């Protein structure tokens, strides 16, 4: 169960509750496919997600202290939702430069998933799908370039790109996850 919580940090929200629900359970307006369908497909049917949207709630962000969001709203969201959720998607409805990221996710493991993700006014495919992936234990899908060639005599000349896999949603693309992630 997913809870997407819309937070107005002072600039309104760029996502309505109706469109937020479409991003997680469909039909998507921005993420193609929605979160539920994507994870069902890449997990070969083992991940069945469902979700609800709450808010928007007013929240004073301050210095990008994301831990305050769960502290302030989790019990209220659980009461409104009729029980606890497996994943909480804390969506700041307007982008703020106080936080230098588009999305952030706690890193869990497949046997002990984490449950909090944060979004800085972004509902793009990569961000919406990547952050819950971190909760499930996935890391970024990176790439390495060595002098423009896949083989190099001097490995010290190689350049690493943290989000370099241009196909994988755990990198910088919006296609299927690579074999390692699956």
N, C-alpha and C. Protein backbone atom coordinates (compact mmCIF):
# COMPACT_ATOMS: atom_id res chain seq x y z
N UNK A 1 0.83 -1.19 0.00
CA UNK A 1 0.00 0.00 0.00
C UNK A 1 0.86 1.24 0.00
N UNK A 2 0.54 2.15 -0.92
CA UNK A 2 1.25 3.42 -1.05
C UNK A 2 0.37 4.55 -0.56
N UNK A 3 0.97 5.49 0.15
CA UNK A 3 0.29 6.73 0.52
C UNK A 3 1.09 7.87 -0.09
N UNK A 4 0.49 8.58 -1.03
CA UNK A 4 1.13 9.75 -1.59
C UNK A 4 0.55 10.96 -0.87
N UNK A 5 1.40 11.70 -0.17
CA UNK A 5 0.96 12.82 0.64
C UNK A 5 1.40 14.11 -0.04
N UNK A 6 0.44 14.92 -0.45
CA UNK A 6 0.71 16.22 -1.08
C UNK A 6 0.94 17.25 0.00
N UNK A 7 2.07 17.96 -0.11
CA UNK A 7 2.42 18.98 0.88
C UNK A 7 2.60 20.33 0.20
N UNK A 8 1.86 21.31 0.70
CA UNK A 8 2.01 22.68 0.22
C UNK A 8 3.04 23.37 1.11
N UNK A 9 4.23 23.61 0.55
CA UNK A 9 5.31 24.21 1.34
C UNK A 9 5.35 25.73 1.18
N UNK A 10 4.27 26.28 0.61
CA UNK A 10 4.17 27.73 0.47
C UNK A 10 3.95 28.20 -0.94
N UNK A 11 4.12 27.33 -1.92
CA UNK A 11 3.95 27.71 -3.32
C UNK A 11 2.80 26.99 -3.99
N UNK A 12 1.87 26.44 -3.21
CA UNK A 12 0.78 25.67 -3.77
C UNK A 12 1.26 24.27 -4.15
N UNK A 13 0.44 23.56 -4.91
CA UNK A 13 0.83 22.22 -5.37
C UNK A 13 0.66 22.14 -6.88
N UNK A 14 1.66 21.60 -7.55
CA UNK A 14 1.62 21.47 -9.00
C UNK A 14 0.96 20.17 -9.45
N UNK A 15 0.42 19.42 -8.51
CA UNK A 15 -0.22 18.15 -8.80
C UNK A 15 -1.51 18.08 -7.99
N UNK A 16 -2.63 17.87 -8.66
CA UNK A 16 -3.89 17.72 -7.93
C UNK A 16 -3.97 16.33 -7.33
N UNK A 17 -4.83 16.16 -6.35
CA UNK A 17 -5.01 14.83 -5.75
C UNK A 17 -5.44 13.83 -6.80
N UNK A 18 -6.31 14.24 -7.72
CA UNK A 18 -6.79 13.35 -8.79
C UNK A 18 -5.64 12.91 -9.69
N UNK A 19 -4.79 13.85 -10.11
CA UNK A 19 -3.65 13.49 -10.98
C UNK A 19 -2.59 12.72 -10.22
N UNK A 20 -2.42 13.00 -8.93
CA UNK A 20 -1.46 12.24 -8.12
C UNK A 20 -1.88 10.78 -8.05
N UNK A 21 -3.17 10.53 -7.88
CA UNK A 21 -3.66 9.15 -7.85
C UNK A 21 -3.41 8.45 -9.18
N UNK A 22 -3.57 9.19 -10.27
CA UNK A 22 -3.30 8.61 -11.59
C UNK A 22 -1.84 8.23 -11.75
N UNK A 23 -0.93 8.97 -11.11
CA UNK A 23 0.50 8.65 -11.21
C UNK A 23 0.83 7.34 -10.51
N UNK A 24 0.09 7.01 -9.46
CA UNK A 24 0.43 5.78 -8.75
C UNK A 24 -0.43 4.58 -9.14
N UNK A 25 -1.70 4.79 -9.47
CA UNK A 25 -2.54 3.64 -9.83
C UNK A 25 -3.10 3.71 -11.24
N UNK A 26 -3.02 4.86 -11.91
CA UNK A 26 -3.40 4.98 -13.30
C UNK A 26 -4.81 5.49 -13.54
N UNK A 27 -5.14 5.82 -14.77
CA UNK A 27 -4.20 5.93 -15.89
C UNK A 27 -3.34 7.17 -15.74
N UNK A 28 -2.05 7.03 -15.94
CA UNK A 28 -1.08 8.08 -15.68
C UNK A 28 -1.22 9.24 -16.65
N UNK A 29 -0.93 10.45 -16.13
CA UNK A 29 -0.89 11.63 -16.99
C UNK A 29 0.55 12.02 -17.29
N UNK A 30 1.51 11.47 -16.54
CA UNK A 30 2.89 11.90 -16.65
C UNK A 30 3.86 10.72 -16.69
N UNK A 31 3.67 9.76 -15.81
CA UNK A 31 4.52 8.57 -15.72
C UNK A 31 3.87 7.51 -16.60
N UNK A 32 4.60 7.02 -17.56
CA UNK A 32 4.01 6.02 -18.45
C UNK A 32 4.78 4.72 -18.32
N UNK A 33 4.29 3.72 -17.72
CA UNK A 33 2.97 3.56 -17.09
C UNK A 33 2.99 4.06 -15.64
N UNK A 34 1.82 4.06 -14.98
CA UNK A 34 1.80 4.47 -13.59
C UNK A 34 2.64 3.52 -12.73
N UNK A 35 2.96 3.98 -11.54
CA UNK A 35 3.81 3.24 -10.61
C UNK A 35 3.35 1.79 -10.42
N UNK A 36 2.06 1.59 -10.19
CA UNK A 36 1.53 0.23 -9.97
C UNK A 36 1.82 -0.67 -11.16
N UNK A 37 1.51 -0.22 -12.35
CA UNK A 37 1.70 -1.04 -13.55
C UNK A 37 3.18 -1.30 -13.82
N UNK A 38 4.01 -0.28 -13.62
CA UNK A 38 5.44 -0.43 -13.88
C UNK A 38 6.03 -1.53 -12.98
N UNK A 39 5.79 -1.43 -11.68
CA UNK A 39 6.37 -2.42 -10.77
C UNK A 39 5.77 -3.81 -10.97
N UNK A 40 4.52 -3.90 -11.34
CA UNK A 40 3.93 -5.22 -11.65
C UNK A 40 4.64 -5.85 -12.84
N UNK A 41 4.94 -5.04 -13.85
CA UNK A 41 5.60 -5.56 -15.05
C UNK A 41 7.05 -5.95 -14.78
N UNK A 42 7.84 -5.06 -14.18
CA UNK A 42 9.27 -5.36 -14.01
C UNK A 42 9.53 -6.42 -12.94
N UNK A 43 8.56 -6.65 -12.05
CA UNK A 43 8.74 -7.69 -11.03
C UNK A 43 8.09 -9.00 -11.46
N UNK A 44 7.62 -9.06 -12.69
CA UNK A 44 6.95 -10.25 -13.22
C UNK A 44 5.74 -10.63 -12.36
N UNK A 45 5.04 -9.61 -11.89
CA UNK A 45 3.80 -9.82 -11.15
C UNK A 45 3.96 -10.04 -9.65
N UNK A 46 5.18 -9.97 -9.13
CA UNK A 46 5.35 -10.21 -7.69
C UNK A 46 5.08 -8.97 -6.83
N UNK A 47 5.16 -7.77 -7.41
CA UNK A 47 4.88 -6.54 -6.67
C UNK A 47 3.52 -6.02 -7.09
N UNK A 48 2.56 -6.12 -6.20
CA UNK A 48 1.22 -5.61 -6.46
C UNK A 48 1.00 -4.39 -5.58
N UNK A 49 0.97 -3.22 -6.20
CA UNK A 49 0.85 -1.98 -5.46
C UNK A 49 -0.55 -1.40 -5.59
N UNK A 50 -0.98 -0.75 -4.55
CA UNK A 50 -2.22 0.01 -4.57
C UNK A 50 -1.94 1.28 -3.78
N UNK A 51 -2.70 2.32 -4.01
CA UNK A 51 -2.38 3.55 -3.32
C UNK A 51 -3.54 4.48 -3.10
N UNK A 52 -3.29 5.42 -2.20
CA UNK A 52 -4.23 6.49 -1.90
C UNK A 52 -3.46 7.80 -1.83
N UNK A 53 -4.17 8.89 -2.03
CA UNK A 53 -3.57 10.23 -1.98
C UNK A 53 -4.21 11.00 -0.83
N UNK A 54 -3.39 11.75 -0.12
CA UNK A 54 -3.86 12.56 1.01
C UNK A 54 -3.34 13.99 0.83
N UNK A 55 -4.15 14.94 1.26
CA UNK A 55 -3.73 16.34 1.21
C UNK A 55 -4.36 17.08 0.05
N UNK A 56 -3.86 18.27 -0.20
CA UNK A 56 -2.61 18.84 0.29
C UNK A 56 -2.73 19.37 1.73
N UNK A 57 -1.62 19.20 2.45
CA UNK A 57 -1.48 19.71 3.80
C UNK A 57 -0.43 20.82 3.78
N UNK A 58 -0.62 21.80 4.62
CA UNK A 58 0.36 22.89 4.76
C UNK A 58 1.55 22.36 5.55
N UNK A 59 2.75 22.68 5.07
CA UNK A 59 3.96 22.24 5.77
C UNK A 59 5.04 23.29 5.62
N UNK A 60 5.63 23.69 6.73
CA UNK A 60 6.72 24.65 6.72
C UNK A 60 8.03 23.87 6.63
N UNK A 61 8.72 24.01 5.51
CA UNK A 61 9.89 23.19 5.24
C UNK A 61 11.13 23.63 5.99
N UNK A 62 11.40 24.90 6.04
CA UNK A 62 12.61 25.36 6.71
C UNK A 62 13.87 25.01 5.94
N UNK A 63 14.71 24.16 6.52
CA UNK A 63 16.02 23.87 5.94
C UNK A 63 16.10 22.50 5.25
N UNK A 64 15.07 22.06 4.63
CA UNK A 64 15.01 20.78 3.92
C UNK A 64 15.11 19.60 4.89
N UNK A 65 14.54 19.74 6.06
CA UNK A 65 14.50 18.65 7.02
C UNK A 65 13.33 17.73 6.67
N UNK A 66 13.63 16.70 5.89
CA UNK A 66 12.57 15.81 5.41
C UNK A 66 12.02 14.92 6.52
N UNK A 67 12.75 14.71 7.59
CA UNK A 67 12.28 13.83 8.66
C UNK A 67 11.07 14.41 9.39
N UNK A 68 10.85 15.71 9.28
CA UNK A 68 9.70 16.33 9.93
C UNK A 68 8.37 15.94 9.29
N UNK A 69 8.38 15.61 8.02
CA UNK A 69 7.14 15.25 7.32
C UNK A 69 6.52 13.99 7.91
N UNK A 70 7.27 12.87 7.98
CA UNK A 70 6.68 11.68 8.60
C UNK A 70 6.30 11.90 10.06
N UNK A 71 7.12 12.63 10.78
CA UNK A 71 6.84 12.89 12.20
C UNK A 71 5.51 13.61 12.36
N UNK A 72 5.27 14.59 11.51
CA UNK A 72 4.06 15.41 11.65
C UNK A 72 2.81 14.74 11.07
N UNK A 73 2.94 13.98 9.99
CA UNK A 73 1.74 13.54 9.27
C UNK A 73 1.47 12.03 9.25
N UNK A 74 2.45 11.18 9.55
CA UNK A 74 2.26 9.74 9.35
C UNK A 74 1.07 9.19 10.14
N UNK A 75 0.95 9.48 11.42
CA UNK A 75 -0.16 8.91 12.20
C UNK A 75 -1.51 9.41 11.70
N UNK A 76 -1.57 10.67 11.28
CA UNK A 76 -2.83 11.20 10.74
C UNK A 76 -3.19 10.50 9.43
N UNK A 77 -2.21 10.30 8.55
CA UNK A 77 -2.44 9.61 7.28
C UNK A 77 -2.88 8.17 7.54
N UNK A 78 -2.23 7.49 8.49
CA UNK A 78 -2.61 6.12 8.82
C UNK A 78 -4.04 6.05 9.32
N UNK A 79 -4.46 7.00 10.15
CA UNK A 79 -5.84 7.04 10.65
C UNK A 79 -6.81 7.25 9.50
N UNK A 80 -6.50 8.21 8.64
CA UNK A 80 -7.38 8.51 7.51
C UNK A 80 -7.45 7.34 6.54
N UNK A 81 -6.35 6.58 6.42
CA UNK A 81 -6.28 5.48 5.46
C UNK A 81 -6.70 4.14 6.00
N UNK A 82 -7.07 4.09 7.28
CA UNK A 82 -7.53 2.83 7.85
C UNK A 82 -6.42 1.84 8.14
N UNK A 83 -5.25 2.31 8.48
CA UNK A 83 -4.12 1.43 8.81
C UNK A 83 -2.84 1.95 8.22
N UNK A 84 -1.75 1.26 8.54
CA UNK A 84 -0.45 1.71 8.07
C UNK A 84 -0.25 1.38 6.59
N UNK A 85 0.67 2.12 5.99
CA UNK A 85 1.02 1.92 4.59
C UNK A 85 2.44 1.35 4.53
N UNK A 86 2.76 0.67 3.44
CA UNK A 86 4.10 0.14 3.26
C UNK A 86 5.07 1.21 2.79
N UNK A 87 4.57 2.16 2.01
CA UNK A 87 5.42 3.22 1.47
C UNK A 87 4.68 4.55 1.55
N UNK A 88 5.45 5.57 1.98
CA UNK A 88 4.92 6.92 2.09
C UNK A 88 5.69 7.80 1.11
N UNK A 89 4.97 8.40 0.17
CA UNK A 89 5.55 9.26 -0.85
C UNK A 89 5.24 10.71 -0.46
N UNK A 90 6.22 11.42 0.08
CA UNK A 90 6.06 12.78 0.58
C UNK A 90 6.35 13.74 -0.58
N UNK A 91 5.28 14.31 -1.14
CA UNK A 91 5.39 15.11 -2.36
C UNK A 91 5.25 16.59 -2.04
N UNK A 92 6.37 17.33 -2.14
CA UNK A 92 6.34 18.78 -1.97
C UNK A 92 5.78 19.35 -3.27
N UNK A 93 4.66 20.02 -3.19
CA UNK A 93 3.92 20.43 -4.36
C UNK A 93 4.52 21.54 -5.19
N UNK A 94 5.60 22.13 -4.73
CA UNK A 94 6.31 23.13 -5.53
C UNK A 94 7.80 22.92 -5.29
N UNK A 95 8.56 23.09 -6.35
CA UNK A 95 10.01 22.86 -6.25
C UNK A 95 10.64 23.96 -5.40
N UNK A 96 11.57 23.55 -4.55
CA UNK A 96 12.28 24.51 -3.71
C UNK A 96 13.79 24.31 -3.86
N UNK A 97 14.52 25.42 -3.91
CA UNK A 97 15.98 25.36 -4.03
C UNK A 97 16.63 25.02 -2.68
N UNK A 98 15.85 25.04 -1.61
CA UNK A 98 16.36 24.66 -0.30
C UNK A 98 16.82 23.19 -0.31
N UNK A 99 16.13 22.37 -1.11
CA UNK A 99 16.49 20.96 -1.28
C UNK A 99 17.13 20.83 -2.66
N UNK A 100 18.33 20.31 -2.72
CA UNK A 100 19.06 20.25 -3.98
C UNK A 100 18.85 18.98 -4.77
N UNK A 101 17.71 18.36 -4.65
CA UNK A 101 17.43 17.11 -5.35
C UNK A 101 16.01 17.12 -5.90
N UNK A 102 15.73 16.24 -6.85
CA UNK A 102 14.36 16.09 -7.38
C UNK A 102 13.60 15.04 -6.60
N UNK A 103 14.29 13.99 -6.20
CA UNK A 103 13.69 12.92 -5.43
C UNK A 103 14.71 12.33 -4.49
N UNK A 104 14.21 11.73 -3.43
CA UNK A 104 15.07 11.15 -2.40
C UNK A 104 14.35 9.94 -1.83
N UNK A 105 15.06 8.85 -1.62
CA UNK A 105 14.44 7.66 -1.07
C UNK A 105 15.32 6.99 -0.05
N UNK A 106 14.71 6.55 1.04
CA UNK A 106 15.44 5.74 2.01
C UNK A 106 15.82 4.43 1.33
N UNK A 107 17.01 3.94 1.61
CA UNK A 107 17.44 2.69 1.00
C UNK A 107 17.16 1.55 1.97
N UNK A 108 16.38 0.59 1.50
CA UNK A 108 16.09 -0.60 2.27
C UNK A 108 16.75 -1.80 1.62
N UNK A 109 16.24 -2.96 1.90
CA UNK A 109 16.70 -4.20 1.27
C UNK A 109 15.47 -4.96 0.81
N UNK A 110 15.63 -5.96 -0.05
CA UNK A 110 14.46 -6.74 -0.46
C UNK A 110 13.74 -7.41 0.71
N UNK A 111 14.49 -7.82 1.74
CA UNK A 111 13.85 -8.47 2.88
C UNK A 111 13.42 -7.49 3.97
N UNK A 112 13.97 -6.28 3.96
CA UNK A 112 13.60 -5.23 4.92
C UNK A 112 13.46 -3.90 4.20
N UNK A 113 12.37 -3.74 3.45
CA UNK A 113 12.20 -2.49 2.69
C UNK A 113 12.08 -1.27 3.61
N UNK A 114 12.60 -0.17 3.14
CA UNK A 114 12.38 1.12 3.81
C UNK A 114 11.00 1.61 3.36
N UNK A 115 10.54 2.72 3.91
CA UNK A 115 9.18 3.12 3.54
C UNK A 115 8.96 4.59 3.26
N UNK A 116 9.99 5.42 3.22
CA UNK A 116 9.78 6.84 2.95
C UNK A 116 10.52 7.29 1.71
N UNK A 117 9.83 8.07 0.87
CA UNK A 117 10.43 8.72 -0.29
C UNK A 117 9.95 10.17 -0.30
N UNK A 118 10.76 11.05 -0.91
CA UNK A 118 10.43 12.47 -0.96
C UNK A 118 10.60 12.98 -2.39
N UNK A 119 9.74 13.92 -2.77
CA UNK A 119 9.72 14.46 -4.13
C UNK A 119 9.69 15.98 -4.04
N UNK A 120 10.62 16.61 -4.75
CA UNK A 120 10.77 18.06 -4.73
C UNK A 120 10.05 18.66 -5.94
N UNK A 121 8.73 18.62 -5.90
CA UNK A 121 7.93 19.19 -6.98
C UNK A 121 8.07 18.45 -8.30
N UNK A 122 8.57 17.22 -8.28
CA UNK A 122 8.79 16.47 -9.51
C UNK A 122 8.00 15.16 -9.50
N UNK A 123 7.24 14.96 -10.56
CA UNK A 123 6.52 13.70 -10.72
C UNK A 123 6.92 13.02 -12.03
N UNK A 124 8.15 13.27 -12.46
CA UNK A 124 8.61 12.66 -13.71
C UNK A 124 8.70 11.14 -13.53
N UNK A 125 8.71 10.45 -14.64
CA UNK A 125 8.76 9.00 -14.63
C UNK A 125 9.95 8.49 -13.82
N UNK A 126 11.15 9.01 -14.10
CA UNK A 126 12.33 8.51 -13.41
C UNK A 126 12.20 8.72 -11.90
N UNK A 127 11.81 9.89 -11.46
CA UNK A 127 11.74 10.18 -10.03
C UNK A 127 10.64 9.36 -9.35
N UNK A 128 9.46 9.31 -9.93
CA UNK A 128 8.35 8.59 -9.30
C UNK A 128 8.62 7.09 -9.18
N UNK A 129 9.34 6.53 -10.13
CA UNK A 129 9.60 5.09 -10.10
C UNK A 129 10.91 4.79 -9.37
N UNK A 130 11.91 5.65 -9.49
CA UNK A 130 13.21 5.39 -8.88
C UNK A 130 13.17 5.39 -7.36
N UNK A 131 12.52 6.35 -6.76
CA UNK A 131 12.58 6.49 -5.30
C UNK A 131 12.00 5.28 -4.56
N UNK A 132 10.84 4.73 -4.94
CA UNK A 132 10.40 3.49 -4.29
C UNK A 132 11.36 2.32 -4.55
N UNK A 133 12.08 2.37 -5.66
CA UNK A 133 13.09 1.34 -5.92
C UNK A 133 14.16 1.34 -4.84
N UNK A 134 14.55 2.53 -4.37
CA UNK A 134 15.52 2.60 -3.27
C UNK A 134 14.96 1.94 -2.01
N UNK A 135 13.66 2.17 -1.75
CA UNK A 135 13.03 1.53 -0.59
C UNK A 135 13.16 0.02 -0.66
N UNK A 136 13.13 -0.53 -1.87
CA UNK A 136 13.20 -1.98 -2.05
C UNK A 136 14.62 -2.51 -2.16
N UNK A 137 15.62 -1.63 -1.99
CA UNK A 137 17.01 -2.06 -1.96
C UNK A 137 17.80 -1.79 -3.22
N UNK A 138 17.21 -1.13 -4.19
CA UNK A 138 17.92 -0.85 -5.45
C UNK A 138 18.78 0.39 -5.32
N UNK A 139 19.92 0.36 -5.98
CA UNK A 139 20.82 1.50 -6.05
C UNK A 139 20.70 2.12 -7.45
N UNK A 140 21.42 3.20 -7.70
CA UNK A 140 21.38 3.83 -9.01
C UNK A 140 22.01 2.93 -10.07
N UNK A 141 21.52 3.04 -11.28
CA UNK A 141 22.10 2.34 -12.43
C UNK A 141 23.02 3.31 -13.15
N UNK A 142 24.30 3.12 -12.96
CA UNK A 142 25.28 4.07 -13.47
C UNK A 142 25.91 3.57 -14.76
N UNK A 143 26.85 4.34 -15.25
CA UNK A 143 27.62 3.93 -16.43
C UNK A 143 29.05 4.40 -16.24
N UNK A 144 29.94 3.87 -17.06
CA UNK A 144 31.33 4.27 -17.03
C UNK A 144 31.80 4.42 -18.48
N UNK A 145 32.50 5.50 -18.75
CA UNK A 145 33.05 5.77 -20.08
C UNK A 145 34.55 5.88 -19.95
N UNK A 146 35.24 5.17 -20.80
CA UNK A 146 36.71 5.15 -20.75
C UNK A 146 37.26 5.66 -22.07
N UNK A 147 37.55 6.94 -22.13
CA UNK A 147 38.13 7.52 -23.34
C UNK A 147 37.30 7.32 -24.58
N UNK A 148 35.99 7.27 -24.42
CA UNK A 148 35.10 7.09 -25.57
C UNK A 148 35.04 5.66 -26.07
N UNK A 149 35.69 4.74 -25.38
CA UNK A 149 35.74 3.35 -25.81
C UNK A 149 35.30 2.45 -24.66
N UNK A 150 34.63 1.35 -24.97
CA UNK A 150 34.24 0.44 -23.88
C UNK A 150 35.45 -0.27 -23.27
N UNK A 151 36.60 -0.27 -23.95
CA UNK A 151 37.82 -0.89 -23.42
C UNK A 151 38.89 0.19 -23.34
N UNK A 152 39.68 0.15 -22.28
CA UNK A 152 40.73 1.16 -22.11
C UNK A 152 41.97 0.53 -21.51
N UNK A 153 43.11 1.01 -21.95
CA UNK A 153 44.37 0.54 -21.38
C UNK A 153 44.62 1.17 -20.01
N UNK A 154 44.09 2.37 -19.82
CA UNK A 154 44.31 3.09 -18.57
C UNK A 154 42.96 3.31 -17.90
N UNK A 155 42.64 2.48 -16.92
CA UNK A 155 41.33 2.59 -16.25
C UNK A 155 41.20 3.89 -15.46
N UNK A 156 42.31 4.57 -15.17
CA UNK A 156 42.23 5.83 -14.46
C UNK A 156 41.67 6.95 -15.35
N UNK A 157 41.56 6.68 -16.63
CA UNK A 157 41.01 7.69 -17.54
C UNK A 157 39.49 7.56 -17.66
N UNK A 158 38.90 6.64 -16.93
CA UNK A 158 37.45 6.41 -17.02
C UNK A 158 36.67 7.43 -16.20
N UNK A 159 35.46 7.71 -16.67
CA UNK A 159 34.56 8.64 -16.00
C UNK A 159 33.29 7.91 -15.61
N UNK A 160 32.92 8.04 -14.35
CA UNK A 160 31.71 7.40 -13.81
C UNK A 160 30.57 8.40 -13.84
N UNK A 161 29.38 7.93 -14.23
CA UNK A 161 28.17 8.74 -14.20
C UNK A 161 27.14 8.01 -13.34
N UNK A 162 26.80 8.58 -12.19
CA UNK A 162 25.92 7.93 -11.21
C UNK A 162 24.57 7.52 -11.79
N UNK A 163 23.99 8.36 -12.64
CA UNK A 163 22.68 8.08 -13.23
C UNK A 163 22.82 7.74 -14.72
N UNK A 164 23.96 7.20 -15.13
CA UNK A 164 24.32 7.08 -16.54
C UNK A 164 23.57 6.08 -17.38
N UNK A 165 22.89 5.09 -16.78
CA UNK A 165 22.13 4.14 -17.59
C UNK A 165 20.93 4.88 -18.17
N UNK A 166 20.99 5.16 -19.46
CA UNK A 166 19.96 6.01 -20.07
C UNK A 166 18.66 5.27 -20.37
N UNK A 167 18.58 4.01 -20.03
CA UNK A 167 17.36 3.23 -20.25
C UNK A 167 16.64 2.92 -18.94
N UNK A 168 17.39 2.60 -17.91
CA UNK A 168 16.88 2.13 -16.63
C UNK A 168 16.32 3.28 -15.80
N UNK A 169 15.17 3.08 -15.16
CA UNK A 169 14.59 4.10 -14.29
C UNK A 169 15.43 4.33 -13.03
N UNK A 170 16.29 3.39 -12.68
CA UNK A 170 17.20 3.61 -11.55
C UNK A 170 18.42 4.41 -12.01
N UNK A 171 18.48 4.72 -13.28
CA UNK A 171 19.52 5.58 -13.85
C UNK A 171 18.87 6.86 -14.31
N UNK A 172 18.91 7.12 -15.61
CA UNK A 172 18.35 8.36 -16.12
C UNK A 172 17.31 8.15 -17.20
N UNK A 173 16.83 6.93 -17.37
CA UNK A 173 15.85 6.65 -18.42
C UNK A 173 14.51 6.24 -17.86
N UNK A 174 13.59 5.99 -18.76
CA UNK A 174 12.24 5.62 -18.31
C UNK A 174 11.77 4.37 -19.06
N UNK A 175 12.65 3.39 -19.12
CA UNK A 175 12.31 2.13 -19.76
C UNK A 175 12.36 1.04 -18.69
N UNK A 176 12.65 -0.18 -19.08
CA UNK A 176 12.74 -1.27 -18.12
C UNK A 176 13.99 -1.16 -17.25
N UNK A 177 13.92 -1.73 -16.06
CA UNK A 177 15.10 -1.83 -15.22
C UNK A 177 16.04 -2.86 -15.82
N UNK A 178 17.33 -2.69 -15.56
CA UNK A 178 18.29 -3.65 -16.09
C UNK A 178 18.18 -4.99 -15.33
N UNK A 179 18.87 -6.00 -15.81
CA UNK A 179 18.77 -7.35 -15.23
C UNK A 179 19.17 -7.37 -13.77
N UNK A 180 20.18 -6.60 -13.38
CA UNK A 180 20.63 -6.58 -11.99
C UNK A 180 19.51 -6.09 -11.07
N UNK A 181 18.82 -5.02 -11.48
CA UNK A 181 17.73 -4.47 -10.64
C UNK A 181 16.58 -5.46 -10.54
N UNK A 182 16.26 -6.09 -11.66
CA UNK A 182 15.15 -7.07 -11.62
C UNK A 182 15.51 -8.25 -10.76
